[in-house]
């Protein structure tokens, strides 16, 4: 049971392990958006965007719905933003620690 949970955790984190996927999730922070809005805003090729959206959806990070010919995506659980915010804080702390080390040199 614990191994399955760890596998699923790794799956979610792996889905976020690409800068373009983080960009997509951050873009959706303001709410549901049509692919027709995501594509030009992030300046990704359509096939590239589709691949990243699929990976995020398969990991349960995104949900989609179709309206006519348009497909809309949204983040399935807003706690994903807390995860991204936490990673930002960790990165900032690490940068500060490294800066302190460099100042000592």
PDB file of N, CA and C in Angstrom:
ATOM      1  N   UNK A   1       0.825  -1.195   0.000  1.00  0.00           N
ATOM      2  CA  UNK A   1       0.000   0.000   0.000  1.00  0.00           C
ATOM      3  C   UNK A   1       0.868   1.258   0.000  1.00  0.00           C
ATOM      4  N   UNK A   2       1.885   1.288   0.866  1.00  0.00           N
ATOM      5  CA  UNK A   2       2.764   2.445   0.946  1.00  0.00           C
ATOM      6  C   UNK A   2       3.545   2.620  -0.351  1.00  0.00           C
ATOM      7  N   UNK A   3       3.970   1.506  -0.951  1.00  0.00           N
ATOM      8  CA  UNK A   3       4.716   1.577  -2.207  1.00  0.00           C
ATOM      9  C   UNK A   3       3.851   2.145  -3.324  1.00  0.00           C
ATOM     10  N   UNK A   4       2.581   1.791  -3.333  1.00  0.00           N
ATOM     11  CA  UNK A   4       1.660   2.317  -4.354  1.00  0.00           C
ATOM     12  C   UNK A   4       1.491   3.823  -4.185  1.00  0.00           C
ATOM     13  N   UNK A   5       1.363   4.273  -2.954  1.00  0.00           N
ATOM     14  CA  UNK A   5       1.263   5.707  -2.683  1.00  0.00           C
ATOM     15  C   UNK A   5       2.518   6.429  -3.160  1.00  0.00           C
ATOM     16  N   UNK A   6       3.677   5.860  -2.858  1.00  0.00           N
ATOM     17  CA  UNK A   6       4.933   6.476  -3.288  1.00  0.00           C
ATOM     18  C   UNK A   6       5.054   6.501  -4.806  1.00  0.00           C
ATOM     19  N   UNK A   7       4.573   5.481  -5.464  1.00  0.00           N
ATOM     20  CA  UNK A   7       4.586   5.445  -6.930  1.00  0.00           C
ATOM     21  C   UNK A   7       3.696   6.548  -7.497  1.00  0.00           C
ATOM     22  N   UNK A   8       2.519   6.716  -6.889  1.00  0.00           N
ATOM     23  CA  UNK A   8       1.598   7.765  -7.350  1.00  0.00           C
ATOM     24  C   UNK A   8       2.155   9.161  -7.070  1.00  0.00           C
ATOM     25  N   UNK A   9       2.803   9.330  -5.924  1.00  0.00           N
ATOM     26  CA  UNK A   9       3.441  10.612  -5.627  1.00  0.00           C
ATOM     27  C   UNK A   9       4.509  10.924  -6.669  1.00  0.00           C
ATOM     28  N   UNK A  10       5.312   9.933  -6.993  1.00  0.00           N
ATOM     29  CA  UNK A  10       6.358  10.120  -7.997  1.00  0.00           C
ATOM     30  C   UNK A  10       5.755  10.464  -9.357  1.00  0.00           C
ATOM     31  N   UNK A  11       4.623   9.875  -9.668  1.00  0.00           N
ATOM     32  CA  UNK A  11       3.945  10.144 -10.936  1.00  0.00           C
ATOM     33  C   UNK A  11       3.509  11.611 -11.024  1.00  0.00           C
ATOM     34  N   UNK A  12       2.932  12.120  -9.942  1.00  0.00           N
ATOM     35  CA  UNK A  12       2.500  13.527  -9.920  1.00  0.00           C
ATOM     36  C   UNK A  12       3.703  14.448 -10.027  1.00  0.00           C
ATOM     37  N   UNK A  13       4.732  14.158  -9.254  1.00  0.00           N
ATOM     38  CA  UNK A  13       5.926  15.015  -9.287  1.00  0.00           C
ATOM     39  C   UNK A  13       6.627  14.939 -10.640  1.00  0.00           C
ATOM     40  N   UNK A  14       6.643  13.763 -11.245  1.00  0.00           N
ATOM     41  CA  UNK A  14       7.260  13.617 -12.570  1.00  0.00           C
ATOM     42  C   UNK A  14       6.488  14.419 -13.608  1.00  0.00           C
ATOM     43  N   UNK A  15       5.164  14.444 -13.479  1.00  0.00           N
ATOM     44  CA  UNK A  15       4.349  15.214 -14.420  1.00  0.00           C
ATOM     45  C   UNK A  15       4.670  16.703 -14.336  1.00  0.00           C
ATOM     46  N   UNK A  16       5.089  17.146 -13.173  1.00  0.00           N
ATOM     47  CA  UNK A  16       5.471  18.548 -12.998  1.00  0.00           C
ATOM     48  C   UNK A  16       6.951  18.783 -13.271  1.00  0.00           C
ATOM     49  N   UNK A  17       7.647  17.739 -13.690  1.00  0.00           N
ATOM     50  CA  UNK A  17       9.093  17.804 -13.853  1.00  0.00           C
ATOM     51  C   UNK A  17       9.573  18.402 -15.157  1.00  0.00           C
ATOM     52  N   UNK A  18       8.750  19.159 -15.837  1.00  0.00           N
ATOM     53  CA  UNK A  18       9.161  19.816 -17.068  1.00  0.00           C
ATOM     54  C   UNK A  18       8.752  21.285 -16.987  1.00  0.00           C
ATOM     55  N   UNK A  19       9.650  22.202 -17.340  1.00  0.00           N
ATOM     56  CA  UNK A  19       9.329  23.630 -17.239  1.00  0.00           C
ATOM     57  C   UNK A  19       8.050  24.032 -17.978  1.00  0.00           C
ATOM     58  N   UNK A  20       7.788  23.437 -19.130  1.00  0.00           N
ATOM     59  CA  UNK A  20       6.567  23.798 -19.865  1.00  0.00           C
ATOM     60  C   UNK A  20       5.310  23.364 -19.121  1.00  0.00           C
ATOM     61  N   UNK A  21       5.399  22.271 -18.398  1.00  0.00           N
ATOM     62  CA  UNK A  21       4.234  21.814 -17.632  1.00  0.00           C
ATOM     63  C   UNK A  21       3.985  22.732 -16.446  1.00  0.00           C
ATOM     64  N   UNK A  22       5.049  23.194 -15.831  1.00  0.00           N
ATOM     65  CA  UNK A  22       4.893  24.162 -14.739  1.00  0.00           C
ATOM     66  C   UNK A  22       4.292  25.456 -15.297  1.00  0.00           C
ATOM     67  N   UNK A  23       4.749  25.883 -16.474  1.00  0.00           N
ATOM     68  CA  UNK A  23       4.184  27.079 -17.122  1.00  0.00           C
ATOM     69  C   UNK A  23       2.688  26.922 -17.354  1.00  0.00           C
ATOM     70  N   UNK A  24       2.292  25.750 -17.825  1.00  0.00           N
ATOM     71  CA  UNK A  24       0.882  25.498 -18.087  1.00  0.00           C
ATOM     72  C   UNK A  24       0.068  25.604 -16.801  1.00  0.00           C
ATOM     73  N   UNK A  25       0.533  24.941 -15.757  1.00  0.00           N
ATOM     74  CA  UNK A  25      -0.187  24.966 -14.483  1.00  0.00           C
ATOM     75  C   UNK A  25      -0.247  26.387 -13.946  1.00  0.00           C
ATOM     76  N   UNK A  26       0.860  27.104 -14.008  1.00  0.00           N
ATOM     77  CA  UNK A  26       0.857  28.497 -13.545  1.00  0.00           C
ATOM     78  C   UNK A  26      -0.104  29.354 -14.368  1.00  0.00           C
ATOM     79  N   UNK A  27      -0.165  29.121 -15.667  1.00  0.00           N
ATOM     80  CA  UNK A  27      -1.077  29.868 -16.522  1.00  0.00           C
ATOM     81  C   UNK A  27      -2.527  29.602 -16.113  1.00  0.00           C
ATOM     82  N   UNK A  28      -2.798  28.389 -15.650  1.00  0.00           N
ATOM     83  CA  UNK A  28      -4.149  28.031 -15.239  1.00  0.00           C
ATOM     84  C   UNK A  28      -4.467  28.441 -13.801  1.00  0.00           C
ATOM     85  N   UNK A  29      -3.528  29.083 -13.155  1.00  0.00           N
ATOM     86  CA  UNK A  29      -3.748  29.544 -11.777  1.00  0.00           C
ATOM     87  C   UNK A  29      -4.946  30.487 -11.716  1.00  0.00           C
ATOM     88  N   UNK A  30      -5.154  31.247 -12.775  1.00  0.00           N
ATOM     89  CA  UNK A  30      -6.267  32.212 -12.800  1.00  0.00           C
ATOM     90  C   UNK A  30      -7.598  31.555 -13.153  1.00  0.00           C
ATOM     91  N   UNK A  31      -7.590  30.270 -13.481  1.00  0.00           N
ATOM     92  CA  UNK A  31      -8.834  29.559 -13.760  1.00  0.00           C
ATOM     93  C   UNK A  31      -8.799  28.833 -15.085  1.00  0.00           C
ATOM     94  N   UNK A  32      -9.922  28.260 -15.411  1.00  0.00           N
ATOM     95  CA  UNK A  32     -10.070  27.454 -16.623  1.00  0.00           C
ATOM     96  C   UNK A  32      -9.771  28.282 -17.871  1.00  0.00           C
ATOM     97  N   UNK A  33      -9.051  27.653 -18.801  1.00  0.00           N
ATOM     98  CA  UNK A  33      -8.704  28.332 -20.057  1.00  0.00           C
ATOM     99  C   UNK A  33      -8.839  27.367 -21.222  1.00  0.00           C
ATOM    100  N   UNK A  34      -9.173  27.938 -22.359  1.00  0.00           N
ATOM    101  CA  UNK A  34      -9.278  27.185 -23.603  1.00  0.00           C
ATOM    102  C   UNK A  34      -7.874  26.938 -24.158  1.00  0.00           C
ATOM    103  N   UNK A  35      -7.698  25.804 -24.820  1.00  0.00           N
ATOM    104  CA  UNK A  35      -6.414  25.521 -25.466  1.00  0.00           C
ATOM    105  C   UNK A  35      -6.059  26.658 -26.411  1.00  0.00           C
ATOM    106  N   UNK A  36      -7.084  27.255 -27.020  1.00  0.00           N
ATOM    107  CA  UNK A  36      -6.857  28.361 -27.953  1.00  0.00           C
ATOM    108  C   UNK A  36      -6.254  29.579 -27.255  1.00  0.00           C
ATOM    109  N   UNK A  37      -6.354  29.661 -25.923  1.00  0.00           N
ATOM    110  CA  UNK A  37      -5.725  30.728 -25.144  1.00  0.00           C
ATOM    111  C   UNK A  37      -4.349  30.307 -24.633  1.00  0.00           C
ATOM    112  N   UNK A  38      -4.229  29.045 -24.260  1.00  0.00           N
ATOM    113  CA  UNK A  38      -2.973  28.536 -23.707  1.00  0.00           C
ATOM    114  C   UNK A  38      -1.883  28.544 -24.771  1.00  0.00           C
ATOM    115  N   UNK A  39      -2.229  28.058 -25.938  1.00  0.00           N
ATOM    116  CA  UNK A  39      -1.287  27.914 -27.051  1.00  0.00           C
ATOM    117  C   UNK A  39      -0.548  29.223 -27.358  1.00  0.00           C
ATOM    118  N   UNK A  40      -1.238  30.325 -27.630  1.00  0.00           N
ATOM    119  CA  UNK A  40      -0.503  31.554 -27.959  1.00  0.00           C
ATOM    120  C   UNK A  40       0.185  32.193 -26.749  1.00  0.00           C
ATOM    121  N   UNK A  41      -0.426  32.064 -25.584  1.00  0.00           N
ATOM    122  CA  UNK A  41       0.147  32.701 -24.392  1.00  0.00           C
ATOM    123  C   UNK A  41       1.492  32.099 -24.012  1.00  0.00           C
ATOM    124  N   UNK A  42       1.640  30.792 -24.187  1.00  0.00           N
ATOM    125  CA  UNK A  42       2.870  30.114 -23.783  1.00  0.00           C
ATOM    126  C   UNK A  42       3.836  29.907 -24.934  1.00  0.00           C
ATOM    127  N   UNK A  43       3.396  30.241 -26.138  1.00  0.00           N
ATOM    128  CA  UNK A  43       4.239  30.145 -27.328  1.00  0.00           C
ATOM    129  C   UNK A  43       4.856  28.758 -27.490  1.00  0.00           C
ATOM    130  N   UNK A  44       4.009  27.739 -27.329  1.00  0.00           N
ATOM    131  CA  UNK A  44       4.434  26.361 -27.531  1.00  0.00           C
ATOM    132  C   UNK A  44       3.821  25.851 -28.826  1.00  0.00           C
ATOM    133  N   UNK A  45       4.519  24.951 -29.488  1.00  0.00           N
ATOM    134  CA  UNK A  45       3.945  24.314 -30.665  1.00  0.00           C
ATOM    135  C   UNK A  45       2.733  23.497 -30.235  1.00  0.00           C
ATOM    136  N   UNK A  46       1.742  23.426 -31.101  1.00  0.00           N
ATOM    137  CA  UNK A  46       0.495  22.732 -30.768  1.00  0.00           C
ATOM    138  C   UNK A  46       0.741  21.289 -30.320  1.00  0.00           C
ATOM    139  N   UNK A  47       1.596  20.571 -31.050  1.00  0.00           N
ATOM    140  CA  UNK A  47       1.854  19.168 -30.695  1.00  0.00           C
ATOM    141  C   UNK A  47       2.568  19.069 -29.340  1.00  0.00           C
ATOM    142  N   UNK A  48       3.473  19.996 -29.084  1.00  0.00           N
ATOM    143  CA  UNK A  48       4.196  20.035 -27.818  1.00  0.00           C
ATOM    144  C   UNK A  48       3.227  20.320 -26.669  1.00  0.00           C
ATOM    145  N   UNK A  49       2.362  21.307 -26.866  1.00  0.00           N
ATOM    146  CA  UNK A  49       1.373  21.657 -25.849  1.00  0.00           C
ATOM    147  C   UNK A  49       0.455  20.470 -25.574  1.00  0.00           C
ATOM    148  N   UNK A  50      -0.012  19.822 -26.624  1.00  0.00           N
ATOM    149  CA  UNK A  50      -0.916  18.677 -26.463  1.00  0.00           C
ATOM    150  C   UNK A  50      -0.267  17.562 -25.653  1.00  0.00           C
ATOM    151  N   UNK A  51       0.994  17.300 -25.913  1.00  0.00           N
ATOM    152  CA  UNK A  51       1.715  16.251 -25.185  1.00  0.00           C
ATOM    153  C   UNK A  51       1.801  16.594 -23.690  1.00  0.00           C
ATOM    154  N   UNK A  52       2.099  17.857 -23.387  1.00  0.00           N
ATOM    155  CA  UNK A  52       2.214  18.266 -21.983  1.00  0.00           C
ATOM    156  C   UNK A  52       0.852  18.264 -21.289  1.00  0.00           C
ATOM    157  N   UNK A  53      -0.179  18.717 -21.981  1.00  0.00           N
ATOM    158  CA  UNK A  53      -1.522  18.698 -21.396  1.00  0.00           C
ATOM    159  C   UNK A  53      -1.950  17.264 -21.099  1.00  0.00           C
ATOM    160  N   UNK A  54      -1.649  16.358 -21.999  1.00  0.00           N
ATOM    161  CA  UNK A  54      -1.991  14.943 -21.805  1.00  0.00           C
ATOM    162  C   UNK A  54      -1.287  14.370 -20.573  1.00  0.00           C
ATOM    163  N   UNK A  55      -0.003  14.670 -20.427  1.00  0.00           N
ATOM    164  CA  UNK A  55       0.755  14.166 -19.272  1.00  0.00           C
ATOM    165  C   UNK A  55       0.182  14.703 -17.963  1.00  0.00           C
ATOM    166  N   UNK A  56      -0.162  15.978 -17.946  1.00  0.00           N
ATOM    167  CA  UNK A  56      -0.726  16.581 -16.734  1.00  0.00           C
ATOM    168  C   UNK A  56      -2.108  16.008 -16.434  1.00  0.00           C
ATOM    169  N   UNK A  57      -2.874  15.755 -17.454  1.00  0.00           N
ATOM    170  CA  UNK A  57      -4.201  15.179 -17.266  1.00  0.00           C
ATOM    171  C   UNK A  57      -4.100  13.736 -16.773  1.00  0.00           C
ATOM    172  N   UNK A  58      -3.195  12.958 -17.358  1.00  0.00           N
ATOM    173  CA  UNK A  58      -3.025  11.560 -16.938  1.00  0.00           C
ATOM    174  C   UNK A  58      -2.558  11.454 -15.493  1.00  0.00           C
ATOM    175  N   UNK A  59      -1.816  12.452 -15.022  1.00  0.00           N
ATOM    176  CA  UNK A  59      -1.349  12.450 -13.631  1.00  0.00           C
ATOM    177  C   UNK A  59      -2.414  12.971 -12.670  1.00  0.00           C
ATOM    178  N   UNK A  60      -3.560  13.400 -13.215  1.00  0.00           N
ATOM    179  CA  UNK A  60      -4.643  13.896 -12.367  1.00  0.00           C
ATOM    180  C   UNK A  60      -4.492  15.351 -11.965  1.00  0.00           C
ATOM    181  N   UNK A  61      -3.554  16.048 -12.569  1.00  0.00           N
ATOM    182  CA  UNK A  61      -3.313  17.452 -12.222  1.00  0.00           C
ATOM    183  C   UNK A  61      -4.306  18.366 -12.936  1.00  0.00           C
ATOM    184  N   UNK A  62      -4.666  17.999 -14.168  1.00  0.00           N
ATOM    185  CA  UNK A  62      -5.609  18.792 -14.948  1.00  0.00           C
ATOM    186  C   UNK A  62      -6.873  18.007 -15.247  1.00  0.00           C
ATOM    187  N   UNK A  63      -7.949  18.748 -15.466  1.00  0.00           N
ATOM    188  CA  UNK A  63      -9.207  18.221 -15.963  1.00  0.00           C
ATOM    189  C   UNK A  63      -9.526  18.977 -17.239  1.00  0.00           C
ATOM    190  N   UNK A  64     -10.288  18.348 -18.118  1.00  0.00           N
ATOM    191  CA  UNK A  64     -10.678  19.040 -19.344  1.00  0.00           C
ATOM    192  C   UNK A  64     -12.152  18.825 -19.623  1.00  0.00           C
ATOM    193  N   UNK A  65     -12.677  19.732 -20.424  1.00  0.00           N
ATOM    194  CA  UNK A  65     -14.047  19.586 -20.898  1.00  0.00           C
ATOM    195  C   UNK A  65     -14.093  20.160 -22.302  1.00  0.00           C
ATOM    196  N   UNK A  66     -14.984  19.612 -23.092  1.00  0.00           N
ATOM    197  CA  UNK A  66     -15.106  20.055 -24.469  1.00  0.00           C
ATOM    198  C   UNK A  66     -16.394  20.855 -24.611  1.00  0.00           C
ATOM    199  N   UNK A  67     -16.290  21.979 -25.290  1.00  0.00           N
ATOM    200  CA  UNK A  67     -17.450  22.814 -25.572  1.00  0.00           C
ATOM    201  C   UNK A  67     -17.405  23.145 -27.058  1.00  0.00           C
ATOM    202  N   UNK A  68     -18.243  22.477 -27.829  1.00  0.00           N
ATOM    203  CA  UNK A  68     -18.175  22.622 -29.282  1.00  0.00           C
ATOM    204  C   UNK A  68     -16.854  22.047 -29.769  1.00  0.00           C
ATOM    205  N   UNK A  69     -16.080  22.864 -30.481  1.00  0.00           N
ATOM    206  CA  UNK A  69     -14.774  22.409 -30.957  1.00  0.00           C
ATOM    207  C   UNK A  69     -13.650  22.818 -30.009  1.00  0.00           C
ATOM    208  N   UNK A  70     -13.979  23.558 -28.965  1.00  0.00           N
ATOM    209  CA  UNK A  70     -12.969  24.049 -28.023  1.00  0.00           C
ATOM    210  C   UNK A  70     -12.811  23.101 -26.840  1.00  0.00           C
ATOM    211  N   UNK A  71     -11.571  22.947 -26.398  1.00  0.00           N
ATOM    212  CA  UNK A  71     -11.281  22.141 -25.210  1.00  0.00           C
ATOM    213  C   UNK A  71     -10.753  23.087 -24.136  1.00  0.00           C
ATOM    214  N   UNK A  72     -11.336  22.986 -22.952  1.00  0.00           N
ATOM    215  CA  UNK A  72     -10.963  23.832 -21.821  1.00  0.00           C
ATOM    216  C   UNK A  72     -10.268  22.982 -20.758  1.00  0.00           C
ATOM    217  N   UNK A  73      -9.234  23.547 -20.171  1.00  0.00           N
ATOM    218  CA  UNK A  73      -8.487  22.863 -19.122  1.00  0.00           C
ATOM    219  C   UNK A  73      -8.512  23.683 -17.844  1.00  0.00           C
ATOM    220  N   UNK A  74      -8.492  22.969 -16.740  1.00  0.00           N
ATOM    221  CA  UNK A  74      -8.357  23.611 -15.430  1.00  0.00           C
ATOM    222  C   UNK A  74      -7.594  22.674 -14.518  1.00  0.00           C
ATOM    223  N   UNK A  75      -7.025  23.230 -13.481  1.00  0.00           N
ATOM    224  CA  UNK A  75      -6.324  22.443 -12.472  1.00  0.00           C
ATOM    225  C   UNK A  75      -7.377  21.725 -11.637  1.00  0.00           C
ATOM    226  N   UNK A  76      -7.208  20.436 -11.484  1.00  0.00           N
ATOM    227  CA  UNK A  76      -8.227  19.616 -10.813  1.00  0.00           C
ATOM    228  C   UNK A  76      -8.289  19.838  -9.308  1.00  0.00           C
ATOM    229  N   UNK A  77      -7.176  20.237  -8.713  1.00  0.00           N
ATOM    230  CA  UNK A  77      -7.139  20.460  -7.260  1.00  0.00           C
ATOM    231  C   UNK A  77      -6.262  21.681  -6.997  1.00  0.00           C
ATOM    232  N   UNK A  78      -6.833  22.738  -6.440  1.00  0.00           N
ATOM    233  CA  UNK A  78      -6.053  23.967  -6.229  1.00  0.00           C
ATOM    234  C   UNK A  78      -4.853  23.796  -5.289  1.00  0.00           C
ATOM    235  N   UNK A  79      -4.789  22.690  -4.569  1.00  0.00           N
ATOM    236  CA  UNK A  79      -3.629  22.467  -3.697  1.00  0.00           C
ATOM    237  C   UNK A  79      -2.345  22.279  -4.493  1.00  0.00           C
ATOM    238  N   UNK A  80      -2.476  22.022  -5.791  1.00  0.00           N
ATOM    239  CA  UNK A  80      -1.288  21.902  -6.636  1.00  0.00           C
ATOM    240  C   UNK A  80      -0.507  23.214  -6.636  1.00  0.00           C
ATOM    241  N   UNK A  81      -1.224  24.339  -6.497  1.00  0.00           N
ATOM    242  CA  UNK A  81      -0.558  25.642  -6.441  1.00  0.00           C
ATOM    243  C   UNK A  81       0.248  25.783  -5.154  1.00  0.00           C
ATOM    244  N   UNK A  82      -0.248  25.193  -4.072  1.00  0.00           N
ATOM    245  CA  UNK A  82       0.511  25.199  -2.815  1.00  0.00           C
ATOM    246  C   UNK A  82       1.812  24.427  -2.985  1.00  0.00           C
ATOM    247  N   UNK A  83       1.743  23.329  -3.736  1.00  0.00           N
ATOM    248  CA  UNK A  83       2.943  22.540  -4.015  1.00  0.00           C
ATOM    249  C   UNK A  83       3.963  23.374  -4.799  1.00  0.00           C
ATOM    250  N   UNK A  84       3.499  24.091  -5.813  1.00  0.00           N
ATOM    251  CA  UNK A  84       4.399  24.951  -6.589  1.00  0.00           C
ATOM    252  C   UNK A  84       4.942  26.089  -5.734  1.00  0.00           C
ATOM    253  N   UNK A  85       4.087  26.687  -4.910  1.00  0.00           N
ATOM    254  CA  UNK A  85       4.533  27.774  -4.030  1.00  0.00           C
ATOM    255  C   UNK A  85       5.580  27.276  -3.036  1.00  0.00           C
ATOM    256  N   UNK A  86       5.358  26.088  -2.517  1.00  0.00           N
ATOM    257  CA  UNK A  86       6.315  25.493  -1.582  1.00  0.00           C
ATOM    258  C   UNK A  86       7.650  25.243  -2.271  1.00  0.00           C
ATOM    259  N   UNK A  87       7.615  24.747  -3.497  1.00  0.00           N
ATOM    260  CA  UNK A  87       8.867  24.506  -4.220  1.00  0.00           C
ATOM    261  C   UNK A  87       9.611  25.818  -4.459  1.00  0.00           C
ATOM    262  N   UNK A  88       8.868  26.888  -4.709  1.00  0.00           N
ATOM    263  CA  UNK A  88       9.495  28.205  -4.893  1.00  0.00           C
ATOM    264  C   UNK A  88      10.194  28.639  -3.613  1.00  0.00           C
ATOM    265  N   UNK A  89       9.550  28.438  -2.484  1.00  0.00           N
ATOM    266  CA  UNK A  89      10.170  28.812  -1.197  1.00  0.00           C
ATOM    267  C   UNK A  89      11.428  27.982  -0.942  1.00  0.00           C
ATOM    268  N   UNK A  90      11.375  26.708  -1.261  1.00  0.00           N
ATOM    269  CA  UNK A  90      12.550  25.846  -1.083  1.00  0.00           C
ATOM    270  C   UNK A  90      13.696  26.334  -1.963  1.00  0.00           C
ATOM    271  N   UNK A  91      13.391  26.674  -3.200  1.00  0.00           N
ATOM    272  CA  UNK A  91      14.415  27.160  -4.133  1.00  0.00           C
ATOM    273  C   UNK A  91      15.016  28.470  -3.646  1.00  0.00           C
ATOM    274  N   UNK A  92      14.168  29.378  -3.189  1.00  0.00           N
ATOM    275  CA  UNK A  92      14.666  30.665  -2.686  1.00  0.00           C
ATOM    276  C   UNK A  92      15.590  30.463  -1.493  1.00  0.00           C
ATOM    277  N   UNK A  93      15.203  29.553  -0.601  1.00  0.00           N
ATOM    278  CA  UNK A  93      16.042  29.283   0.563  1.00  0.00           C
ATOM    279  C   UNK A  93      17.389  28.711   0.129  1.00  0.00           C
ATOM    280  N   UNK A  94      17.371  27.819  -0.830  1.00  0.00           N
ATOM    281  CA  UNK A  94      18.615  27.215  -1.312  1.00  0.00           C
ATOM    282  C   UNK A  94      19.512  28.260  -1.972  1.00  0.00           C
ATOM    283  N   UNK A  95      18.924  29.160  -2.721  1.00  0.00           N
ATOM    284  CA  UNK A  95      19.699  30.243  -3.343  1.00  0.00           C
ATOM    285  C   UNK A  95      20.335  31.119  -2.274  1.00  0.00           C
ATOM    286  N   UNK A  96      19.576  31.431  -1.230  1.00  0.00           N
ATOM    287  CA  UNK A  96      20.121  32.230  -0.128  1.00  0.00           C
ATOM    288  C   UNK A  96      21.274  31.501   0.555  1.00  0.00           C
ATOM    289  N   UNK A  97      21.112  30.205   0.796  1.00  0.00           N
ATOM    290  CA  UNK A  97      22.171  29.427   1.436  1.00  0.00           C
ATOM    291  C   UNK A  97      23.434  29.394   0.578  1.00  0.00           C
ATOM    292  N   UNK A  98      23.270  29.222  -0.717  1.00  0.00           N
ATOM    293  CA  UNK A  98      24.425  29.192  -1.614  1.00  0.00           C
ATOM    294  C   UNK A  98      25.099  30.555  -1.692  1.00  0.00           C
ATOM    295  N   UNK A  99      24.291  31.605  -1.659  1.00  0.00           N
ATOM    296  CA  UNK A  99      24.859  32.956  -1.683  1.00  0.00           C
ATOM    297  C   UNK A  99      25.715  33.200  -0.442  1.00  0.00           C
ATOM    298  N   UNK A 100      25.258  32.740   0.693  1.00  0.00           N
ATOM    299  CA  UNK A 100      26.013  32.889   1.937  1.00  0.00           C
ATOM    300  C   UNK A 100      27.335  32.149   1.859  1.00  0.00           C
ATOM    301  N   UNK A 101      27.292  30.957   1.273  1.00  0.00           N
ATOM    302  CA  UNK A 101      28.507  30.167   1.121  1.00  0.00           C
ATOM    303  C   UNK A 101      29.492  30.890   0.208  1.00  0.00           C
ATOM    304  N   UNK A 102      28.999  31.444  -0.888  1.00  0.00           N
ATOM    305  CA  UNK A 102      29.867  32.158  -1.835  1.00  0.00           C
ATOM    306  C   UNK A 102      30.472  33.405  -1.222  1.00  0.00           C
ATOM    307  N   UNK A 103      29.728  34.071  -0.339  1.00  0.00           N
ATOM    308  CA  UNK A 103      30.236  35.261   0.337  1.00  0.00           C
ATOM    309  C   UNK A 103      31.400  34.907   1.271  1.00  0.00           C
ATOM    310  N   UNK A 104      31.406  33.687   1.762  1.00  0.00           N
ATOM    311  CA  UNK A 104      32.450  33.259   2.682  1.00  0.00           C
ATOM    312  C   UNK A 104      33.744  32.918   1.935  1.00  0.00           C
ATOM    313  N   UNK A 105      33.648  32.709   0.648  1.00  0.00           N
ATOM    314  CA  UNK A 105      34.813  32.296  -0.145  1.00  0.00           C
ATOM    315  C   UNK A 105      35.644  33.507  -0.484  1.00  0.00           C
TER     316      UNK A 105
END
